[in-house]
Amino acid sequence: MTSGSPIPAAVNPLLAADFEWFRHDWLTGWSDIVYLWIVAPLLIAAGAYFTVRTRGVQFRRFASAARLSMRTGLFAEDHDSARPDAQTISGFAAFCVGLAARTGTGNIAGMAVALVVGGPGAILWMWVVAALSMACSVVENTLAQIYKEPLADGSFRGGPAFYLEKGLGAERAARVFAVLFLLAVGFAFVMVQANTITDAIRGATQVDARTIAVPMAAGTAWIIFRGASHASRFLSTVTPWIAGAYIVFGLTVLFLNIGRLPEVLRLIVQSAFGVGPMAAGLAGGMMIAVTTGARRGLFSNEAGMGMSPNAAGSATGPHPADQGFVQAFGVFISTYVICTLSALVILLAAGGAYQPGQETGLNGAQLVGVAAGNQFGAAGEVFIVLALFLFGYQSIIANYTMCEGNITNIFGWGARRLFAFRGLLIAAILAGSVLALETVWAIGDIFVATMAVINLTAIVLLFGQARAAILDWDAQCRARHRPRFVESTLPRPVPGAVWSEKD
């Protein structure tokens, strides 16, 4: 067909309009419906149920979870590996993988968008959802440890696909979950993280996207082609420093504006219930604050969605509940610390650039950059760009680490196919850096929502197993013993259990 043919001119606008309808009205609309009316209620109901049945274990054992996560204080001695020559992943490394996956670019840019859409009140509802999500995290990550499988090199793999198959005998559901996980976490979210990183750097430096994409892809390849164990150790080294630097930045802004903090906290509470000046410009009032905060809470901590158990199941340790508490503490760091600090930085320092309910022409990353620039000048803007890059980069590495177990154990892929998957993930980084990804993001959301429904069903059905392990941990801790676990503690035996004998 020649370029002068009238048909393309007539057809292309129709195709474009159809695609926009598909993307905005169908994909985005369906994603919103699934999250707000299916996933969010299920997560909140499951979190409330687990909280009651465990007597608020996420609150009672919070201090223990913090000390376990940092491997100091309560249980200082190293129980991570019985075989020093094995390619094992320590409990702390698994904590860092889970934290890295949670603390991507969404904890900065996504929090800014949530504030614009839902107002300051979204923060309060994000906190409420996270409190219940921590109970889901304790349960799902404890199950990941109970049903993990040993590998020939002495390491372990685990996660929802494993406890679906071994705990419920649902082999088909396990494979469906693994496929969704690879598509969403291994490709869609990797592309989105790469796109956000590229946009942030381009906005600050005007550098061509390809100039950013190639070094980022090369740096990722250098890590992931050496395997999940190496990637986990890499994250255990860099993630605490990245998170720590951002926390110091946020706390510095709070200190410099400490006099305005009571006013901002009052605005958060007022807006959460649809009153006050910050809620006046929001269509939907309290409802938009609730729904936005709930969704931000789900995105920021990912508890109940079946993501962090893929990291938890790879860890070594003497008791499966250890990772339940450790990963729940990761929810706290991601939501109550990093997301909250991002929100407070905007509310305290963005000035007129932040107008709830109004589009100002700034994307989420740029809004945080403006706040940092108002506080620290050009150095603040550079810091935000660097933070976005590091958060996004570590999230990509963590995503690969969690995918590897699903590939090798569920599908039985050998080294050659694993090599091919790594290559495809690198290609996703390159493609994500130069493409517009609203559609990819919406599709990834739907995949993750489906994963969450499957995973929540599984952990509710297997809750008796997790509860027995949690109560056993509780009892041993009250007796001032370092909790150690054996399979006989469980109501039902585990096929191929790794907990049959004491360490």
Protein backbone atom coordinates (compact mmCIF):
# COMPACT_ATOMS: atom_id res chain seq x y z
CA MET A 1 0.00 0.00 0.00
CA THR A 2 1.44 3.37 -0.99
CA SER A 3 1.88 6.26 1.35
CA GLY A 4 -0.71 8.21 -0.61
CA SER A 5 -3.49 5.72 0.03
CA PRO A 6 -6.40 7.27 1.96
CA ILE A 7 -7.06 4.11 3.98
CA PRO A 8 -4.27 4.48 6.57
CA ALA A 9 -5.32 8.07 7.23
CA ALA A 10 -8.86 6.91 7.90
CA VAL A 11 -7.95 3.75 9.80
CA ASN A 12 -5.07 4.94 11.98
CA PRO A 13 -7.12 7.47 13.99
CA LEU A 14 -9.72 4.79 14.60
CA LEU A 15 -7.04 2.33 15.70
CA ALA A 16 -5.49 4.98 17.93
CA ALA A 17 -8.86 5.78 19.48
CA ASP A 18 -9.58 2.09 20.04
CA PHE A 19 -6.20 1.64 21.68
CA GLU A 20 -6.76 4.65 23.96
CA TRP A 21 -10.14 3.24 24.95
CA PHE A 22 -8.52 -0.13 25.63
CA ARG A 23 -5.71 1.43 27.69
CA HIS A 24 -7.59 4.10 29.65
CA ASP A 25 -11.13 2.81 29.89
CA TRP A 26 -10.65 -0.95 29.95
CA LEU A 27 -7.17 -1.78 31.29
CA THR A 28 -6.92 1.04 33.82
CA GLY A 29 -10.57 0.73 34.78
CA TRP A 30 -10.33 -3.03 35.27
CA SER A 31 -7.12 -2.61 37.26
CA ASP A 32 -8.83 -0.10 39.56
CA ILE A 33 -11.85 -2.35 40.04
CA VAL A 34 -9.74 -5.42 40.82
CA TYR A 35 -7.53 -3.60 43.33
CA LEU A 36 -10.13 -1.49 45.10
CA TRP A 37 -13.05 -3.92 45.21
CA ILE A 38 -11.39 -7.34 45.25
CA VAL A 39 -7.73 -7.28 46.31
CA ALA A 40 -7.92 -4.50 48.92
CA PRO A 41 -10.94 -5.95 50.78
CA LEU A 42 -9.41 -9.44 50.70
CA LEU A 43 -6.07 -8.18 52.04
CA ILE A 44 -7.68 -6.10 54.76
CA ALA A 45 -10.01 -8.93 55.80
CA ALA A 46 -7.17 -11.47 55.81
CA GLY A 47 -4.91 -9.08 57.73
CA ALA A 48 -7.61 -8.45 60.34
CA TYR A 49 -8.26 -12.21 60.69
CA PHE A 50 -4.56 -13.04 61.07
CA THR A 51 -4.12 -10.18 63.55
CA VAL A 52 -6.91 -11.49 65.78
CA ARG A 53 -5.89 -15.17 65.54
CA THR A 54 -2.22 -14.42 66.33
CA ARG A 55 -3.11 -11.90 69.05
CA GLY A 56 -1.55 -9.04 67.12
CA VAL A 57 1.79 -10.77 66.62
CA GLN A 58 3.05 -7.99 64.33
CA PHE A 59 2.71 -5.58 67.26
CA ARG A 60 3.66 -7.90 70.13
CA ARG A 61 6.84 -9.07 68.44
CA PHE A 62 7.77 -5.86 66.66
CA ALA A 63 10.92 -5.28 68.71
CA SER A 64 11.99 -8.88 68.18
CA ALA A 65 11.39 -8.50 64.43
CA ALA A 66 13.58 -5.41 64.33
CA ARG A 67 16.41 -7.13 66.20
CA LEU A 68 16.12 -10.27 64.07
CA SER A 69 16.29 -8.16 60.92
CA MET A 70 19.51 -6.50 62.00
CA ARG A 71 21.00 -9.68 63.51
CA THR A 72 21.88 -7.91 66.75
CA GLY A 73 20.58 -7.84 70.28
CA LEU A 74 18.10 -10.63 71.03
CA PHE A 75 19.63 -13.33 68.81
CA ALA A 76 23.13 -12.13 68.04
CA GLU A 77 24.76 -15.45 67.26
CA ASP A 78 24.94 -16.54 63.61
CA HIS A 79 22.59 -19.42 62.78
CA ASP A 80 22.31 -18.57 59.11
CA SER A 81 24.27 -21.40 57.62
CA ALA A 82 25.09 -24.88 58.78
CA ARG A 83 27.30 -25.31 55.72
CA PRO A 84 29.76 -22.44 55.20
CA ASP A 85 30.69 -23.76 51.77
CA ALA A 86 27.10 -23.79 50.50
CA GLN A 87 25.56 -21.15 48.30
CA THR A 88 23.18 -20.24 51.13
CA ILE A 89 21.34 -16.97 51.61
CA SER A 90 21.35 -15.59 55.13
CA GLY A 91 18.24 -14.36 56.90
CA PHE A 92 19.59 -10.81 56.69
CA ALA A 93 20.24 -11.16 52.95
CA ALA A 94 16.66 -12.38 52.43
CA PHE A 95 15.43 -9.38 54.45
CA CYS A 96 17.42 -7.09 52.16
CA VAL A 97 16.05 -8.76 49.02
CA GLY A 98 12.50 -8.27 50.28
CA LEU A 99 13.22 -4.68 51.32
CA ALA A 100 14.87 -3.91 47.97
CA ALA A 101 11.83 -5.25 46.11
CA ARG A 102 9.52 -3.10 48.22
CA THR A 103 11.57 0.10 48.08
CA GLY A 104 11.56 0.83 44.38
CA THR A 105 10.91 4.13 42.65
CA GLY A 106 7.26 3.95 43.78
CA ASN A 107 8.28 4.79 47.35
CA ILE A 108 9.38 8.20 46.11
CA ALA A 109 7.57 9.00 42.86
CA GLY A 110 4.50 6.86 43.64
CA MET A 111 4.05 8.46 47.04
CA ALA A 112 4.04 11.91 45.43
CA VAL A 113 1.34 10.85 42.98
CA ALA A 114 -0.73 9.41 45.84
CA LEU A 115 -0.53 12.74 47.68
CA VAL A 116 -1.72 14.65 44.61
CA VAL A 117 -4.60 12.27 43.93
CA GLY A 118 -5.71 11.49 47.47
CA GLY A 119 -4.45 14.45 49.47
CA PRO A 120 -2.50 14.30 52.75
CA GLY A 121 -5.17 12.04 54.25
CA ALA A 122 -4.00 9.18 52.05
CA ILE A 123 -1.03 8.81 54.40
CA LEU A 124 -3.22 7.90 57.37
CA TRP A 125 -5.10 5.21 55.46
CA MET A 126 -1.81 3.91 54.08
CA TRP A 127 -0.68 3.43 57.70
CA VAL A 128 -3.89 1.58 58.59
CA VAL A 129 -3.57 -0.82 55.66
CA ALA A 130 0.12 -1.43 56.40
CA ALA A 131 -0.64 -2.36 60.03
CA LEU A 132 -2.93 -5.16 58.86
CA SER A 133 -0.65 -6.10 55.96
CA MET A 134 2.15 -6.83 58.41
CA ALA A 135 0.11 -9.75 59.74
CA CYS A 136 -0.27 -11.12 56.19
CA SER A 137 3.48 -10.78 55.78
CA VAL A 138 4.21 -12.77 58.93
CA VAL A 139 1.95 -15.60 57.76
CA GLU A 140 2.99 -15.84 54.10
CA ASN A 141 6.71 -15.64 54.80
CA THR A 142 6.50 -18.21 57.59
CA LEU A 143 4.77 -20.54 55.12
CA ALA A 144 7.51 -19.88 52.57
CA GLN A 145 10.03 -21.19 55.08
CA ILE A 146 7.93 -24.18 56.13
CA TYR A 147 7.51 -25.37 52.54
CA LYS A 148 10.90 -24.39 51.12
CA GLU A 149 12.94 -26.96 49.19
CA PRO A 150 16.68 -27.67 49.48
CA LEU A 151 18.89 -27.57 46.39
CA ALA A 152 21.95 -29.64 45.63
CA ASP A 153 24.33 -26.79 46.51
CA GLY A 154 22.88 -26.44 50.02
CA SER A 155 20.73 -23.41 49.27
CA PHE A 156 16.92 -23.21 49.36
CA ARG A 157 14.05 -21.99 47.22
CA GLY A 158 10.51 -21.26 48.35
CA GLY A 159 7.49 -19.07 47.89
CA PRO A 160 3.78 -19.22 47.02
CA ALA A 161 4.27 -21.65 44.13
CA PHE A 162 5.94 -24.05 46.57
CA TYR A 163 3.34 -23.91 49.34
CA LEU A 164 0.55 -24.10 46.76
CA GLU A 165 2.00 -27.33 45.40
CA LYS A 166 3.32 -28.95 48.59
CA GLY A 167 0.81 -27.59 51.08
CA LEU A 168 -2.40 -27.71 49.05
CA GLY A 169 -1.50 -30.13 46.27
CA ALA A 170 -2.53 -27.43 43.78
CA GLU A 171 0.13 -28.01 41.14
CA ARG A 172 -1.77 -26.21 38.38
CA ALA A 173 -2.37 -23.14 40.57
CA ALA A 174 1.34 -23.19 41.47
CA ARG A 175 2.33 -23.05 37.82
CA VAL A 176 -0.20 -20.31 37.05
CA PHE A 177 1.18 -18.26 39.93
CA ALA A 178 4.76 -18.80 38.75
CA VAL A 179 3.91 -17.70 35.19
CA LEU A 180 2.12 -14.57 36.44
CA PHE A 181 5.04 -13.83 38.74
CA LEU A 182 7.58 -14.04 35.92
CA LEU A 183 5.50 -11.86 33.60
CA ALA A 184 4.70 -9.21 36.20
CA VAL A 185 7.82 -9.11 38.38
CA GLY A 186 10.39 -10.36 35.88
CA PHE A 187 9.31 -8.20 32.96
CA ALA A 188 6.52 -5.64 33.47
CA PHE A 189 7.82 -4.19 36.75
CA VAL A 190 11.42 -4.30 35.54
CA MET A 191 10.41 -2.24 32.50
CA VAL A 192 8.53 0.27 34.66
CA GLN A 193 11.44 0.66 37.09
CA ALA A 194 13.85 1.19 34.18
CA ASN A 195 11.49 3.73 32.64
CA THR A 196 11.17 5.72 35.88
CA ILE A 197 14.94 5.74 36.36
CA THR A 198 15.50 6.95 32.79
CA ASP A 199 12.85 9.67 33.04
CA ALA A 200 14.31 10.97 36.30
CA ILE A 201 17.85 11.18 34.92
CA ARG A 202 16.71 12.67 31.61
CA GLY A 203 14.67 15.31 33.42
CA ALA A 204 17.74 16.42 35.37
CA THR A 205 20.47 16.06 32.74
CA GLN A 206 18.79 15.91 29.27
CA VAL A 207 20.88 12.82 28.55
CA ASP A 208 19.60 10.52 25.79
CA ALA A 209 17.64 7.51 27.11
CA ARG A 210 19.94 5.03 25.38
CA THR A 211 22.95 6.54 27.10
CA ILE A 212 21.28 5.73 30.42
CA ALA A 213 19.83 2.35 29.44
CA VAL A 214 23.00 0.64 28.25
CA PRO A 215 25.10 1.14 31.43
CA MET A 216 22.08 0.27 33.59
CA ALA A 217 21.55 -2.96 31.64
CA ALA A 218 25.26 -3.79 31.79
CA GLY A 219 25.36 -3.22 35.55
CA THR A 220 22.34 -5.45 36.02
CA ALA A 221 23.84 -8.19 33.84
CA TRP A 222 27.05 -8.10 35.88
CA ILE A 223 25.02 -9.01 38.96
CA ILE A 224 22.31 -11.38 37.76
CA PHE A 225 24.43 -13.55 35.46
CA ARG A 226 26.30 -14.64 38.58
CA GLY A 227 23.12 -16.11 40.10
CA ALA A 228 20.55 -15.40 42.78
CA SER A 229 22.90 -16.15 45.68
CA HIS A 230 25.39 -13.54 44.49
CA ALA A 231 22.58 -11.05 43.82
CA SER A 232 21.24 -11.55 47.35
CA ARG A 233 24.65 -10.91 48.87
CA PHE A 234 25.03 -7.81 46.71
CA LEU A 235 21.68 -6.49 48.00
CA SER A 236 22.60 -7.29 51.60
CA THR A 237 25.59 -4.99 51.13
CA VAL A 238 24.03 -2.04 49.30
CA THR A 239 20.36 -1.96 50.38
CA PRO A 240 20.91 -0.89 54.01
CA TRP A 241 23.11 2.00 52.84
CA ILE A 242 20.65 3.13 50.17
CA ALA A 243 17.69 3.03 52.55
CA GLY A 244 19.76 4.59 55.32
CA ALA A 245 20.87 7.52 53.17
CA TYR A 246 17.29 8.29 52.15
CA ILE A 247 16.10 8.04 55.76
CA VAL A 248 18.81 10.49 56.86
CA PHE A 249 17.72 12.87 54.07
CA GLY A 250 14.07 12.69 55.13
CA LEU A 251 14.85 13.12 58.82
CA THR A 252 17.01 16.14 58.01
CA VAL A 253 14.10 17.80 56.22
CA LEU A 254 11.88 17.04 59.21
CA PHE A 255 14.43 18.52 61.61
CA LEU A 256 14.77 21.69 59.54
CA ASN A 257 10.98 22.11 59.49
CA ILE A 258 10.16 20.70 62.91
CA GLY A 259 8.04 23.74 63.80
CA ARG A 260 5.59 22.95 60.99
CA LEU A 261 5.32 19.24 61.73
CA PRO A 262 2.30 19.50 64.10
CA GLU A 263 0.45 21.52 61.45
CA VAL A 264 1.21 18.91 58.79
CA LEU A 265 0.12 16.03 61.02
CA ARG A 266 -3.13 17.86 61.72
CA LEU A 267 -3.68 18.28 57.96
CA ILE A 268 -3.12 14.54 57.45
CA VAL A 269 -5.78 13.61 60.02
CA GLN A 270 -8.27 16.22 58.79
CA SER A 271 -7.85 15.29 55.15
CA ALA A 272 -8.18 11.58 55.97
CA PHE A 273 -11.76 12.27 57.07
CA GLY A 274 -12.56 14.69 54.25
CA VAL A 275 -12.27 17.95 56.19
CA GLY A 276 -9.80 20.82 56.28
CA PRO A 277 -8.23 22.98 53.56
CA MET A 278 -6.20 20.18 51.96
CA ALA A 279 -9.37 18.13 51.33
CA ALA A 280 -11.34 20.98 49.77
CA GLY A 281 -9.93 20.51 46.27
CA LEU A 282 -10.39 16.75 46.16
CA ALA A 283 -13.31 15.28 44.27
CA GLY A 284 -14.59 12.45 46.44
CA GLY A 285 -13.35 13.81 49.78
CA MET A 286 -12.78 11.07 52.35
CA MET A 287 -13.45 8.24 49.87
CA ILE A 288 -10.62 9.28 47.55
CA ALA A 289 -8.27 9.58 50.54
CA VAL A 290 -9.22 6.09 51.74
CA THR A 291 -8.94 4.39 48.36
CA THR A 292 -5.70 6.15 47.41
CA GLY A 293 -4.10 5.46 50.77
CA ALA A 294 -5.16 1.82 50.69
CA ARG A 295 -3.77 1.35 47.21
CA ARG A 296 -0.50 3.10 48.09
CA GLY A 297 -0.21 0.90 51.16
CA LEU A 298 -0.67 -2.24 49.08
CA PHE A 299 1.86 -1.11 46.48
CA SER A 300 4.48 0.05 48.96
CA ASN A 301 4.62 -3.06 51.13
CA GLU A 302 3.39 -5.80 48.74
CA ALA A 303 2.38 -7.89 51.75
CA GLY A 304 -0.12 -10.62 50.93
CA MET A 305 0.62 -10.47 47.22
CA GLY A 306 3.07 -13.35 47.29
CA MET A 307 6.21 -11.44 46.33
CA SER A 308 8.44 -11.34 49.43
CA PRO A 309 7.92 -15.08 50.20
CA ASN A 310 10.08 -15.82 47.17
CA ALA A 311 12.93 -14.10 49.01
CA ALA A 312 12.01 -15.48 52.43
CA GLY A 313 11.91 -19.05 51.16
CA SER A 314 15.55 -18.85 50.09
CA ALA A 315 16.87 -17.97 53.56
CA THR A 316 18.57 -20.25 56.06
CA GLY A 317 17.76 -20.14 59.76
CA PRO A 318 16.68 -22.26 62.71
CA HIS A 319 12.96 -21.37 62.69
CA PRO A 320 10.50 -20.58 59.87
CA ALA A 321 8.82 -17.78 61.83
CA ASP A 322 12.10 -15.85 61.79
CA GLN A 323 11.48 -14.80 58.19
CA GLY A 324 7.85 -14.05 58.96
CA PHE A 325 8.93 -11.43 61.49
CA VAL A 326 11.87 -10.20 59.41
CA GLN A 327 9.78 -9.56 56.29
CA ALA A 328 7.04 -7.91 58.36
CA PHE A 329 9.66 -5.49 59.63
CA GLY A 330 10.48 -4.80 55.98
CA VAL A 331 6.84 -3.72 55.52
CA PHE A 332 7.32 -1.28 58.39
CA ILE A 333 10.51 0.19 56.89
CA SER A 334 9.01 0.50 53.41
CA THR A 335 5.70 2.08 54.44
CA TYR A 336 6.03 3.75 57.82
CA VAL A 337 9.54 5.04 57.26
CA ILE A 338 10.43 5.53 53.58
CA CYS A 339 6.97 6.26 52.12
CA THR A 340 6.06 8.44 55.09
CA LEU A 341 9.28 10.42 54.83
CA SER A 342 8.68 10.97 51.09
CA ALA A 343 5.21 12.31 51.87
CA LEU A 344 6.39 14.56 54.70
CA VAL A 345 9.21 15.98 52.57
CA ILE A 346 6.61 17.08 50.01
CA LEU A 347 4.19 18.47 52.58
CA LEU A 348 6.93 20.36 54.42
CA ALA A 349 9.11 21.61 51.57
CA ALA A 350 7.33 21.51 48.18
CA GLY A 351 5.47 24.77 48.77
CA GLY A 352 3.10 25.86 46.01
CA ALA A 353 4.27 23.05 43.72
CA TYR A 354 2.03 20.68 45.69
CA GLN A 355 -1.68 21.17 45.10
CA PRO A 356 -3.83 18.17 46.09
CA GLY A 357 -6.26 17.16 43.39
CA GLN A 358 -4.63 19.38 40.77
CA GLU A 359 -2.22 18.45 38.00
CA THR A 360 0.72 20.89 38.08
CA GLY A 361 2.65 19.47 35.13
CA LEU A 362 5.12 17.76 37.47
CA ASN A 363 5.33 13.99 37.67
CA GLY A 364 5.86 12.31 41.02
CA ALA A 365 9.65 12.28 40.88
CA GLN A 366 9.79 15.92 39.85
CA LEU A 367 7.55 16.96 42.75
CA VAL A 368 9.87 15.32 45.27
CA GLY A 369 12.81 16.90 43.43
CA VAL A 370 11.23 20.36 43.80
CA ALA A 371 10.81 19.80 47.54
CA ALA A 372 14.42 18.67 47.89
CA GLY A 373 15.59 21.60 45.76
CA ASN A 374 13.66 24.09 47.89
CA GLN A 375 15.42 22.68 50.94
CA PHE A 376 18.94 22.00 49.70
CA GLY A 377 19.23 23.67 46.29
CA ALA A 378 20.68 21.83 43.31
CA ALA A 379 22.30 19.25 45.61
CA GLY A 380 18.87 18.19 46.82
CA GLU A 381 17.59 17.65 43.28
CA VAL A 382 20.68 15.61 42.40
CA PHE A 383 20.19 13.50 45.52
CA ILE A 384 16.60 12.63 44.54
CA VAL A 385 17.70 11.58 41.04
CA LEU A 386 20.43 9.42 42.57
CA ALA A 387 17.98 7.93 45.09
CA LEU A 388 15.51 7.07 42.32
CA PHE A 389 18.26 5.37 40.35
CA LEU A 390 19.51 3.34 43.30
CA PHE A 391 16.04 2.37 44.53
CA GLY A 392 15.02 1.32 41.03
CA TYR A 393 18.25 -0.53 40.32
CA GLN A 394 18.17 -2.55 43.54
CA SER A 395 14.49 -3.34 42.91
CA ILE A 396 15.36 -4.78 39.48
CA ILE A 397 18.07 -6.98 41.03
CA ALA A 398 15.65 -8.12 43.75
CA ASN A 399 12.98 -8.92 41.16
CA TYR A 400 15.38 -11.21 39.32
CA THR A 401 16.45 -12.90 42.56
CA MET A 402 12.85 -13.73 43.42
CA CYS A 403 12.12 -14.98 39.90
CA GLU A 404 14.98 -17.48 39.79
CA GLY A 405 13.40 -19.90 42.25
CA ASN A 406 10.19 -20.05 40.24
CA ILE A 407 12.16 -20.74 37.07
CA THR A 408 14.49 -23.45 38.34
CA ASN A 409 12.17 -25.33 40.68
CA ILE A 410 8.66 -24.93 39.31
CA PHE A 411 9.51 -25.25 35.62
CA GLY A 412 12.66 -27.32 36.08
CA TRP A 413 14.64 -25.10 33.76
CA GLY A 414 18.35 -25.80 33.52
CA ALA A 415 21.28 -23.45 33.10
CA ARG A 416 20.64 -22.78 29.41
CA ARG A 417 17.05 -21.63 29.85
CA LEU A 418 17.97 -19.67 32.95
CA PHE A 419 20.64 -17.91 30.88
CA ALA A 420 17.96 -17.07 28.29
CA PHE A 421 15.66 -15.61 30.98
CA ARG A 422 18.47 -13.38 32.21
CA GLY A 423 18.95 -12.15 28.66
CA LEU A 424 15.24 -11.38 28.32
CA LEU A 425 15.29 -9.42 31.57
CA ILE A 426 18.18 -7.32 30.28
CA ALA A 427 16.17 -6.73 27.08
CA ALA A 428 13.24 -5.60 29.25
CA ILE A 429 15.48 -2.98 30.86
CA LEU A 430 16.56 -1.66 27.46
CA ALA A 431 13.00 -1.61 26.11
CA GLY A 432 11.55 -0.10 29.27
CA SER A 433 14.02 2.76 29.18
CA VAL A 434 12.79 4.05 25.81
CA LEU A 435 9.08 3.12 25.68
CA ALA A 436 5.95 4.64 27.19
CA LEU A 437 4.75 2.05 29.67
CA GLU A 438 1.30 2.98 30.92
CA THR A 439 -0.15 -0.11 29.27
CA VAL A 440 2.61 -2.39 30.58
CA TRP A 441 2.05 -1.00 34.08
CA ALA A 442 -1.72 -1.62 33.90
CA ILE A 443 -1.22 -5.18 32.64
CA GLY A 444 1.36 -5.84 35.35
CA ASP A 445 -1.12 -4.55 37.93
CA ILE A 446 -3.74 -7.04 36.77
CA PHE A 447 -1.20 -9.89 36.89
CA VAL A 448 -0.19 -8.97 40.45
CA ALA A 449 -3.82 -8.62 41.50
CA THR A 450 -4.48 -12.15 40.25
CA MET A 451 -1.38 -13.35 42.10
CA ALA A 452 -2.67 -11.72 45.27
CA VAL A 453 -6.03 -13.50 45.05
CA ILE A 454 -4.32 -16.87 44.55
CA ASN A 455 -1.81 -16.24 47.34
CA LEU A 456 -4.37 -14.94 49.84
CA THR A 457 -6.53 -17.99 49.27
CA ALA A 458 -3.52 -20.24 49.87
CA ILE A 459 -2.33 -18.55 53.07
CA VAL A 460 -5.83 -18.53 54.55
CA LEU A 461 -6.16 -22.26 53.85
CA LEU A 462 -2.68 -22.95 55.26
CA PHE A 463 -2.98 -20.57 58.19
CA GLY A 464 -3.12 -23.42 60.70
CA GLN A 465 0.41 -24.43 59.71
CA ALA A 466 1.75 -20.88 60.00
CA ARG A 467 -0.06 -20.24 63.29
CA ALA A 468 1.45 -23.37 64.83
CA ALA A 469 4.94 -22.20 63.87
CA ILE A 470 4.31 -18.66 65.15
CA LEU A 471 2.96 -19.91 68.50
CA ASP A 472 5.90 -22.31 68.80
CA TRP A 473 8.28 -19.38 68.25
CA ASP A 474 6.36 -17.40 70.87
CA ALA A 475 6.54 -20.18 73.45
CA GLN A 476 10.26 -20.77 73.03
CA CYS A 477 10.98 -17.05 73.18
CA ARG A 478 8.99 -16.69 76.41
CA ALA A 479 11.10 -19.53 77.83
CA ARG A 480 14.18 -17.45 76.87
CA HIS A 481 15.34 -20.01 74.32
CA ARG A 482 16.54 -19.23 70.83
CA PRO A 483 13.55 -20.62 68.86
CA ARG A 484 14.39 -23.78 66.90
CA PHE A 485 11.86 -25.69 64.90
CA VAL A 486 11.02 -29.31 64.10
CA GLU A 487 8.29 -30.59 61.81
CA SER A 488 6.36 -32.35 64.59
CA THR A 489 5.22 -28.90 65.77
CA LEU A 490 2.97 -28.61 62.70
CA PRO A 491 -0.59 -29.96 62.58
CA ARG A 492 0.12 -31.62 59.23
CA PRO A 493 3.37 -33.12 57.92
CA VAL A 494 5.25 -31.37 55.12
CA PRO A 495 6.37 -33.44 52.10
CA GLY A 496 10.15 -33.36 51.91
CA ALA A 497 10.40 -31.12 54.96
CA VAL A 498 13.74 -29.57 55.85
CA TRP A 499 12.73 -29.18 59.50
CA SER A 500 12.64 -32.86 60.46
CA GLU A 501 15.62 -32.66 62.77
CA LYS A 502 17.05 -29.97 64.98
CA ASP A 503 20.00 -28.03 63.66
